[in-house]
Protein backbone atom coordinates (compact mmCIF):
# COMPACT_ATOMS: atom_id res chain seq x y z
CA MET A 1 110.23 104.67 91.79
CA ASP A 2 113.56 102.86 91.94
CA ARG A 3 113.74 102.67 88.16
CA TYR A 4 112.96 106.39 87.95
CA TYR A 5 115.82 107.28 90.30
CA ASP A 6 118.18 104.85 88.55
CA ASN A 7 117.63 106.73 85.29
CA GLN A 8 118.40 110.18 86.73
CA THR A 9 121.70 111.71 85.66
CA VAL A 10 121.66 114.42 88.32
CA SER A 11 120.96 114.06 92.02
CA LEU A 12 117.43 115.11 92.91
CA PRO A 13 116.74 117.11 96.09
CA ALA A 14 115.41 115.27 99.14
CA LYS A 15 112.25 117.38 99.05
CA ASP A 16 111.41 115.63 95.74
CA LEU A 17 111.13 112.24 97.45
CA GLN A 18 107.55 112.60 98.72
CA LEU A 19 106.26 113.82 95.36
CA THR A 20 108.04 110.99 93.56
CA ALA A 21 106.84 108.33 96.00
CA VAL A 22 103.20 109.40 95.93
CA THR A 23 103.26 109.83 92.15
CA ALA A 24 104.75 106.34 91.74
CA LEU A 25 101.97 105.02 93.97
CA PHE A 26 99.44 106.92 91.84
CA VAL A 27 100.85 105.39 88.61
CA ALA A 28 100.90 101.87 90.11
CA SER A 29 97.36 102.33 91.36
CA LYS A 30 96.14 103.27 87.89
CA ASN A 31 97.77 100.18 86.41
CA LEU A 32 96.90 97.58 89.03
CA GLU A 33 93.81 98.58 91.01
CA VAL A 34 90.19 98.19 90.00
CA ASP A 35 89.39 101.41 91.87
CA PRO A 36 92.62 103.47 91.55
CA LEU A 37 93.61 106.47 93.63
CA ASP A 38 92.39 109.74 92.22
CA LEU A 39 94.64 112.76 91.90
CA ARG A 40 92.66 114.76 94.48
CA THR A 41 93.31 112.08 97.11
CA CYS A 42 97.03 112.16 96.34
CA ILE A 43 97.17 115.94 96.57
CA LYS A 44 94.94 116.54 99.60
CA THR A 45 95.20 113.40 101.73
CA LEU A 46 98.63 111.96 101.02
CA CYS A 47 100.58 115.19 100.48
CA PHE A 48 98.47 117.68 102.46
CA ASN A 49 98.28 120.16 99.53
CA LYS A 50 102.07 120.47 99.44
CA TYR A 51 102.14 119.92 95.65
CA SER A 52 99.89 121.14 92.84
CA LYS A 53 98.06 119.08 90.23
CA SER A 54 100.51 120.25 87.57
CA GLN A 55 103.49 119.11 89.67
CA PHE A 56 101.95 115.64 90.00
CA LEU A 57 101.22 115.40 86.28
CA GLU A 58 104.71 116.61 85.41
CA LYS A 59 106.26 114.05 87.78
CA GLU A 60 104.04 111.30 86.34
CA SER A 61 105.23 112.19 82.88
CA GLY A 62 108.84 112.09 84.07
CA ILE A 63 108.38 108.69 85.72
CA ARG A 64 106.71 107.23 82.66
CA GLU A 65 109.43 108.56 80.33
CA ALA A 66 112.24 107.35 82.62
CA THR A 67 110.74 103.86 82.72
CA GLN A 68 110.05 103.94 78.97
CA TYR A 69 106.34 103.57 79.73
CA GLU A 70 106.95 100.08 81.13
CA ASN A 71 105.15 100.17 84.45
CA GLU A 72 105.22 96.53 85.40
CA ALA A 73 107.96 93.97 85.54
CA PRO A 74 107.36 90.23 85.78
CA SER A 75 107.75 88.78 89.25
CA SER A 76 108.98 85.36 90.27
CA LEU A 77 105.35 84.29 90.60
CA ASP A 78 104.74 85.18 86.95
CA PHE A 79 107.76 83.14 85.88
CA ILE A 80 106.67 80.15 87.97
CA MET A 81 103.26 80.11 86.32
CA ILE A 82 104.70 80.45 82.81
CA LEU A 83 107.45 77.85 83.31
CA ILE A 84 105.09 75.24 84.75
CA ARG A 85 102.61 75.81 81.89
CA LEU A 86 105.43 75.41 79.36
CA LEU A 87 106.57 72.23 81.05
CA LYS A 88 103.03 70.82 81.01
CA CYS A 89 102.60 71.67 77.31
CA ARG A 90 105.96 70.15 76.46
CA LEU A 91 105.18 66.94 78.30
CA GLN A 92 101.72 66.63 76.77
CA THR A 93 102.95 67.16 73.20
CA GLN A 94 106.10 65.03 73.44
CA ILE A 95 104.78 62.06 75.35
CA ASP A 96 101.44 60.75 76.45
CA CYS A 97 101.33 62.45 79.80
CA LEU A 98 99.82 60.40 82.60
CA GLU A 99 97.22 61.94 84.91
CA SER A 100 99.60 61.38 87.81
CA THR A 101 102.27 63.47 86.04
CA VAL A 102 99.87 66.38 85.64
CA ASP A 103 98.92 66.07 89.32
CA PHE A 104 102.61 66.01 90.27
CA LEU A 105 103.26 69.21 88.28
CA LEU A 106 100.34 70.86 90.02
CA GLU A 107 101.88 69.96 93.38
CA VAL A 108 105.26 71.35 92.25
CA GLN A 109 103.55 74.55 91.14
CA THR A 110 101.77 74.86 94.50
CA ILE A 111 104.97 74.31 96.49
CA ALA A 112 106.96 76.77 94.36
CA TYR A 113 104.16 79.35 94.54
CA ASP A 114 103.86 79.09 98.34
CA ILE A 115 107.61 79.38 98.93
CA CYS A 116 107.78 82.26 96.43
CA LYS A 117 105.26 84.29 98.42
CA SER A 118 107.67 84.11 101.36
CA CYS A 119 110.69 84.96 99.21
CA ILE A 120 109.11 88.04 97.65
CA ILE A 121 108.96 89.87 100.97
CA ASP A 122 112.64 89.18 101.71
CA CYS A 123 114.59 92.18 100.43
CA GLN A 124 117.77 90.05 100.22
CA MET A 125 116.13 88.15 97.34
CA LEU A 126 115.85 91.32 95.24
CA ARG A 127 119.46 90.95 94.13
CA TYR A 128 118.51 87.89 92.08
CA LYS A 129 116.61 87.95 88.80
CA PRO A 130 112.97 86.85 89.18
CA SER A 131 113.44 84.18 86.49
CA ILE A 132 116.36 82.62 88.40
CA VAL A 133 114.39 82.64 91.66
CA ALA A 134 111.45 80.99 89.90
CA MET A 135 113.61 78.23 88.44
CA ALA A 136 115.22 77.58 91.83
CA LEU A 137 111.81 77.36 93.49
CA ILE A 138 110.53 74.97 90.85
CA PHE A 139 113.55 72.73 91.43
CA ILE A 140 112.85 72.87 95.19
CA GLY A 141 109.28 71.80 94.40
CA PHE A 142 110.59 68.70 92.61
């Protein structure tokens, strides 16, 4: 939803906010949930029949175009997992990695992951790139 509004060249009316929010939830649900929201639920339950099916579909199209059909962005958790895996692969191919080293990296990953779950809910952390947050948390884990 934020990326949709960031890409708008004109100011949208406040009455558009509910339709945009519920449509963004609908799009995210289709991409992330095993049992996603259906359009009828969005129209009847979440918006109390304030918007039509065609308005939802038009808004969905607008959101997808504004975000260039990229619905997900990597989080700090994703970067932590990737960076630790890369570090493990690098260590195993460059040197004969001891079992204790692998165990240590697993502990670092666990510490970084646990702290990251707390950081994600802090809106002050949103100003930093997820990759930078991940690297900082991995260094804290060391």
